[in-house]
């Protein structure tokens, strides 16, 4: 039974990717989470040595994403894809009106920004568009290409 909630904010918003990774996942809602920002704090060698997304706490910021209902098996599969325990950690996140929502946070976040590949960023944008996230947020995603590169 798909009754565990997962908040996706990166490429996992993409319907085709979630279907392949977590076949039991079902779309529940879109959500805006205040007090967090989207960031690209680590490099992924499976993503051409480019940056991959996470979220971090930041006052006066917000992140939009998609809530999926998932099974335990889906979470086990997603833990594998997200390298839970080494690259990401799965933890609870508060989303108004929903209980016990989990998401993934980067375990390596020293404040740097590593630009994502075009392919990865396009997957994030396509997922946001597929789910009808706000135009303002989608425009912010397009602007990621212009963010200051890590030193």
C-alpha atoms as a PDB file:
ATOM      1  CA  UNK A   1       0.000   0.000   0.000  1.00  0.00           C
ATOM      2  CA  UNK A   2       1.378   3.399  -0.999  1.00  0.00           C
ATOM      3  CA  UNK A   3       0.893   5.438   2.163  1.00  0.00           C
ATOM      4  CA  UNK A   4       4.356   6.845   2.917  1.00  0.00           C
ATOM      5  CA  UNK A   5       4.858  10.410   1.700  1.00  0.00           C
ATOM      6  CA  UNK A   6       7.893  11.680  -0.201  1.00  0.00           C
ATOM      7  CA  UNK A   7       8.642  15.283  -1.225  1.00  0.00           C
ATOM      8  CA  UNK A   8      10.535  15.485  -4.538  1.00  0.00           C
ATOM      9  CA  UNK A   9      12.207  18.772  -5.554  1.00  0.00           C
ATOM     10  CA  UNK A  10      14.822  17.730  -8.116  1.00  0.00           C
ATOM     11  CA  UNK A  11      14.855  15.334 -11.050  1.00  0.00           C
ATOM     12  CA  UNK A  12      12.546  12.965  -9.159  1.00  0.00           C
ATOM     13  CA  UNK A  13       9.712  15.366  -9.998  1.00  0.00           C
ATOM     14  CA  UNK A  14       9.977  13.993 -13.550  1.00  0.00           C
ATOM     15  CA  UNK A  15       7.107  11.526 -14.028  1.00  0.00           C
ATOM     16  CA  UNK A  16       9.046   9.069 -16.207  1.00  0.00           C
ATOM     17  CA  UNK A  17      11.980   8.939 -13.770  1.00  0.00           C
ATOM     18  CA  UNK A  18       9.787   8.337 -10.730  1.00  0.00           C
ATOM     19  CA  UNK A  19       7.808   5.673 -12.578  1.00  0.00           C
ATOM     20  CA  UNK A  20      11.028   3.837 -13.457  1.00  0.00           C
ATOM     21  CA  UNK A  21      12.576   4.187  -9.991  1.00  0.00           C
ATOM     22  CA  UNK A  22       9.480   3.730  -7.841  1.00  0.00           C
ATOM     23  CA  UNK A  23       6.723   1.889  -9.718  1.00  0.00           C
ATOM     24  CA  UNK A  24       4.338   2.031  -6.733  1.00  0.00           C
ATOM     25  CA  UNK A  25       4.632   5.810  -6.314  1.00  0.00           C
ATOM     26  CA  UNK A  26       1.449   7.809  -6.805  1.00  0.00           C
ATOM     27  CA  UNK A  27       1.168  11.580  -7.243  1.00  0.00           C
ATOM     28  CA  UNK A  28      -0.550  13.207  -4.246  1.00  0.00           C
ATOM     29  CA  UNK A  29      -0.025  16.965  -4.505  1.00  0.00           C
ATOM     30  CA  UNK A  30       2.279  19.805  -5.326  1.00  0.00           C
ATOM     31  CA  UNK A  31       3.668  21.671  -2.347  1.00  0.00           C
ATOM     32  CA  UNK A  32       5.494  24.831  -1.392  1.00  0.00           C
ATOM     33  CA  UNK A  33       7.797  24.563   1.607  1.00  0.00           C
ATOM     34  CA  UNK A  34       8.785  27.852   3.229  1.00  0.00           C
ATOM     35  CA  UNK A  35      12.108  28.248   4.998  1.00  0.00           C
ATOM     36  CA  UNK A  36      14.123  26.192   2.484  1.00  0.00           C
ATOM     37  CA  UNK A  37      15.983  26.950  -0.726  1.00  0.00           C
ATOM     38  CA  UNK A  38      16.975  24.817  -3.676  1.00  0.00           C
ATOM     39  CA  UNK A  39      20.730  24.354  -3.960  1.00  0.00           C
ATOM     40  CA  UNK A  40      23.269  22.305  -5.918  1.00  0.00           C
ATOM     41  CA  UNK A  41      25.867  21.544  -3.231  1.00  0.00           C
ATOM     42  CA  UNK A  42      27.544  18.399  -4.535  1.00  0.00           C
ATOM     43  CA  UNK A  43      28.958  16.816  -7.653  1.00  0.00           C
ATOM     44  CA  UNK A  44      27.608  13.583  -9.087  1.00  0.00           C
ATOM     45  CA  UNK A  45      29.862  11.504 -11.293  1.00  0.00           C
ATOM     46  CA  UNK A  46      26.796   9.676 -12.622  1.00  0.00           C
ATOM     47  CA  UNK A  47      25.601  13.124 -13.804  1.00  0.00           C
ATOM     48  CA  UNK A  48      28.714  14.002 -15.851  1.00  0.00           C
ATOM     49  CA  UNK A  49      30.617  15.355 -12.839  1.00  0.00           C
ATOM     50  CA  UNK A  50      28.136  18.190 -12.512  1.00  0.00           C
ATOM     51  CA  UNK A  51      26.004  19.487  -9.630  1.00  0.00           C
ATOM     52  CA  UNK A  52      22.910  17.791  -8.254  1.00  0.00           C
ATOM     53  CA  UNK A  53      20.091  19.258  -6.207  1.00  0.00           C
ATOM     54  CA  UNK A  54      19.349  19.385  -2.530  1.00  0.00           C
ATOM     55  CA  UNK A  55      17.492  21.768  -0.279  1.00  0.00           C
ATOM     56  CA  UNK A  56      18.790  23.638   2.742  1.00  0.00           C
ATOM     57  CA  UNK A  57      17.206  25.784   5.400  1.00  0.00           C
ATOM     58  CA  UNK A  58      17.070  29.476   4.583  1.00  0.00           C
ATOM     59  CA  UNK A  59      14.824  32.081   6.109  1.00  0.00           C
ATOM     60  CA  UNK A  60      12.644  34.011   3.636  1.00  0.00           C
ATOM     61  CA  UNK A  61      13.103  31.358   0.935  1.00  0.00           C
ATOM     62  CA  UNK A  62      10.909  28.567  -0.364  1.00  0.00           C
ATOM     63  CA  UNK A  63      11.096  25.486  -2.500  1.00  0.00           C
ATOM     64  CA  UNK A  64       8.343  23.925  -4.574  1.00  0.00           C
ATOM     65  CA  UNK A  65       8.003  20.264  -5.389  1.00  0.00           C
ATOM     66  CA  UNK A  66       5.831  17.205  -5.669  1.00  0.00           C
ATOM     67  CA  UNK A  67       4.484  14.906  -2.969  1.00  0.00           C
ATOM     68  CA  UNK A  68       4.232  11.224  -3.855  1.00  0.00           C
ATOM     69  CA  UNK A  69       2.648   8.427  -1.836  1.00  0.00           C
ATOM     70  CA  UNK A  70       5.054   5.502  -1.858  1.00  0.00           C
ATOM     71  CA  UNK A  71       5.479   1.985  -0.523  1.00  0.00           C
ATOM     72  CA  UNK A  72       8.305   0.781   1.715  1.00  0.00           C
ATOM     73  CA  UNK A  73       9.716  -0.996  -1.340  1.00  0.00           C
ATOM     74  CA  UNK A  74       9.654   2.291  -3.295  1.00  0.00           C
ATOM     75  CA  UNK A  75      11.628   3.983  -0.512  1.00  0.00           C
ATOM     76  CA  UNK A  76      14.163   1.131  -0.469  1.00  0.00           C
ATOM     77  CA  UNK A  77      14.608   1.542  -4.218  1.00  0.00           C
ATOM     78  CA  UNK A  78      14.889   5.325  -3.916  1.00  0.00           C
ATOM     79  CA  UNK A  79      17.393   5.006  -1.050  1.00  0.00           C
ATOM     80  CA  UNK A  80      19.576   3.051  -3.468  1.00  0.00           C
ATOM     81  CA  UNK A  81      19.266   5.645  -6.258  1.00  0.00           C
ATOM     82  CA  UNK A  82      19.943   8.522  -3.860  1.00  0.00           C
ATOM     83  CA  UNK A  83      22.892   6.774  -2.150  1.00  0.00           C
ATOM     84  CA  UNK A  84      21.100   7.243   1.171  1.00  0.00           C
ATOM     85  CA  UNK A  85      23.616   7.251   3.998  1.00  0.00           C
ATOM     86  CA  UNK A  86      26.563   8.372   1.883  1.00  0.00           C
ATOM     87  CA  UNK A  87      25.460  11.165  -0.472  1.00  0.00           C
ATOM     88  CA  UNK A  88      21.969  11.900   0.830  1.00  0.00           C
ATOM     89  CA  UNK A  89      20.116  11.354   4.085  1.00  0.00           C
ATOM     90  CA  UNK A  90      16.398  10.712   4.214  1.00  0.00           C
ATOM     91  CA  UNK A  91      14.643  12.796   6.868  1.00  0.00           C
ATOM     92  CA  UNK A  92      11.278  14.295   7.755  1.00  0.00           C
ATOM     93  CA  UNK A  93      10.258  17.684   6.433  1.00  0.00           C
ATOM     94  CA  UNK A  94       7.284  19.729   7.595  1.00  0.00           C
ATOM     95  CA  UNK A  95       4.722  20.431   4.903  1.00  0.00           C
ATOM     96  CA  UNK A  96       1.541  22.216   5.893  1.00  0.00           C
ATOM     97  CA  UNK A  97      -1.481  19.898   5.904  1.00  0.00           C
ATOM     98  CA  UNK A  98       0.543  16.684   5.530  1.00  0.00           C
ATOM     99  CA  UNK A  99       1.976  14.331   8.141  1.00  0.00           C
ATOM    100  CA  UNK A 100       5.179  12.338   8.128  1.00  0.00           C
ATOM    101  CA  UNK A 101       6.619  13.578   4.839  1.00  0.00           C
ATOM    102  CA  UNK A 102      10.181  12.570   4.043  1.00  0.00           C
ATOM    103  CA  UNK A 103      12.701  13.961   1.605  1.00  0.00           C
ATOM    104  CA  UNK A 104      16.417  13.689   0.905  1.00  0.00           C
ATOM    105  CA  UNK A 105      19.023  16.199   2.078  1.00  0.00           C
ATOM    106  CA  UNK A 106      22.615  16.322   0.832  1.00  0.00           C
ATOM    107  CA  UNK A 107      25.119  15.039   3.373  1.00  0.00           C
ATOM    108  CA  UNK A 108      27.784  17.240   1.708  1.00  0.00           C
ATOM    109  CA  UNK A 109      26.664  20.857   1.818  1.00  0.00           C
ATOM    110  CA  UNK A 110      29.360  23.417   2.549  1.00  0.00           C
ATOM    111  CA  UNK A 111      27.505  26.228   0.804  1.00  0.00           C
ATOM    112  CA  UNK A 112      29.102  25.780  -2.619  1.00  0.00           C
ATOM    113  CA  UNK A 113      27.116  25.731  -5.847  1.00  0.00           C
ATOM    114  CA  UNK A 114      28.118  23.275  -8.542  1.00  0.00           C
ATOM    115  CA  UNK A 115      26.301  23.958 -11.817  1.00  0.00           C
ATOM    116  CA  UNK A 116      24.073  21.091 -12.936  1.00  0.00           C
ATOM    117  CA  UNK A 117      24.342  19.576 -16.390  1.00  0.00           C
ATOM    118  CA  UNK A 118      21.889  20.791 -19.021  1.00  0.00           C
ATOM    119  CA  UNK A 119      20.309  17.311 -19.070  1.00  0.00           C
ATOM    120  CA  UNK A 120      19.803  17.261 -15.301  1.00  0.00           C
ATOM    121  CA  UNK A 121      18.482  20.816 -15.069  1.00  0.00           C
ATOM    122  CA  UNK A 122      16.131  20.155 -17.980  1.00  0.00           C
ATOM    123  CA  UNK A 123      14.775  17.091 -16.133  1.00  0.00           C
ATOM    124  CA  UNK A 124      14.101  19.246 -13.043  1.00  0.00           C
ATOM    125  CA  UNK A 125      12.389  21.924 -15.165  1.00  0.00           C
ATOM    126  CA  UNK A 126      10.346  19.350 -17.079  1.00  0.00           C
ATOM    127  CA  UNK A 127       9.207  17.730 -13.819  1.00  0.00           C
ATOM    128  CA  UNK A 128       8.196  21.117 -12.422  1.00  0.00           C
ATOM    129  CA  UNK A 129       6.318  21.925 -15.622  1.00  0.00           C
ATOM    130  CA  UNK A 130       4.582  18.516 -15.786  1.00  0.00           C
ATOM    131  CA  UNK A 131       3.188  19.082 -12.305  1.00  0.00           C
ATOM    132  CA  UNK A 132       2.216  22.719 -12.809  1.00  0.00           C
ATOM    133  CA  UNK A 133       4.516  24.355 -10.287  1.00  0.00           C
ATOM    134  CA  UNK A 134       4.276  28.150 -10.196  1.00  0.00           C
ATOM    135  CA  UNK A 135       5.569  30.129 -13.169  1.00  0.00           C
ATOM    136  CA  UNK A 136       7.730  32.167 -10.781  1.00  0.00           C
ATOM    137  CA  UNK A 137       9.393  29.000  -9.478  1.00  0.00           C
ATOM    138  CA  UNK A 138       9.913  27.567 -12.968  1.00  0.00           C
ATOM    139  CA  UNK A 139      11.557  30.839 -14.026  1.00  0.00           C
ATOM    140  CA  UNK A 140      13.844  30.559 -10.992  1.00  0.00           C
ATOM    141  CA  UNK A 141      14.810  27.058 -12.184  1.00  0.00           C
ATOM    142  CA  UNK A 142      15.733  28.455 -15.602  1.00  0.00           C
ATOM    143  CA  UNK A 143      17.925  31.046 -13.854  1.00  0.00           C
ATOM    144  CA  UNK A 144      20.027  28.295 -12.223  1.00  0.00           C
ATOM    145  CA  UNK A 145      22.155  28.338 -15.389  1.00  0.00           C
ATOM    146  CA  UNK A 146      23.297  31.852 -14.412  1.00  0.00           C
ATOM    147  CA  UNK A 147      24.138  31.189 -10.758  1.00  0.00           C
ATOM    148  CA  UNK A 148      27.713  31.847  -9.661  1.00  0.00           C
ATOM    149  CA  UNK A 149      29.928  28.833 -10.260  1.00  0.00           C
ATOM    150  CA  UNK A 150      31.700  27.251  -7.273  1.00  0.00           C
ATOM    151  CA  UNK A 151      35.282  28.288  -6.751  1.00  0.00           C
END
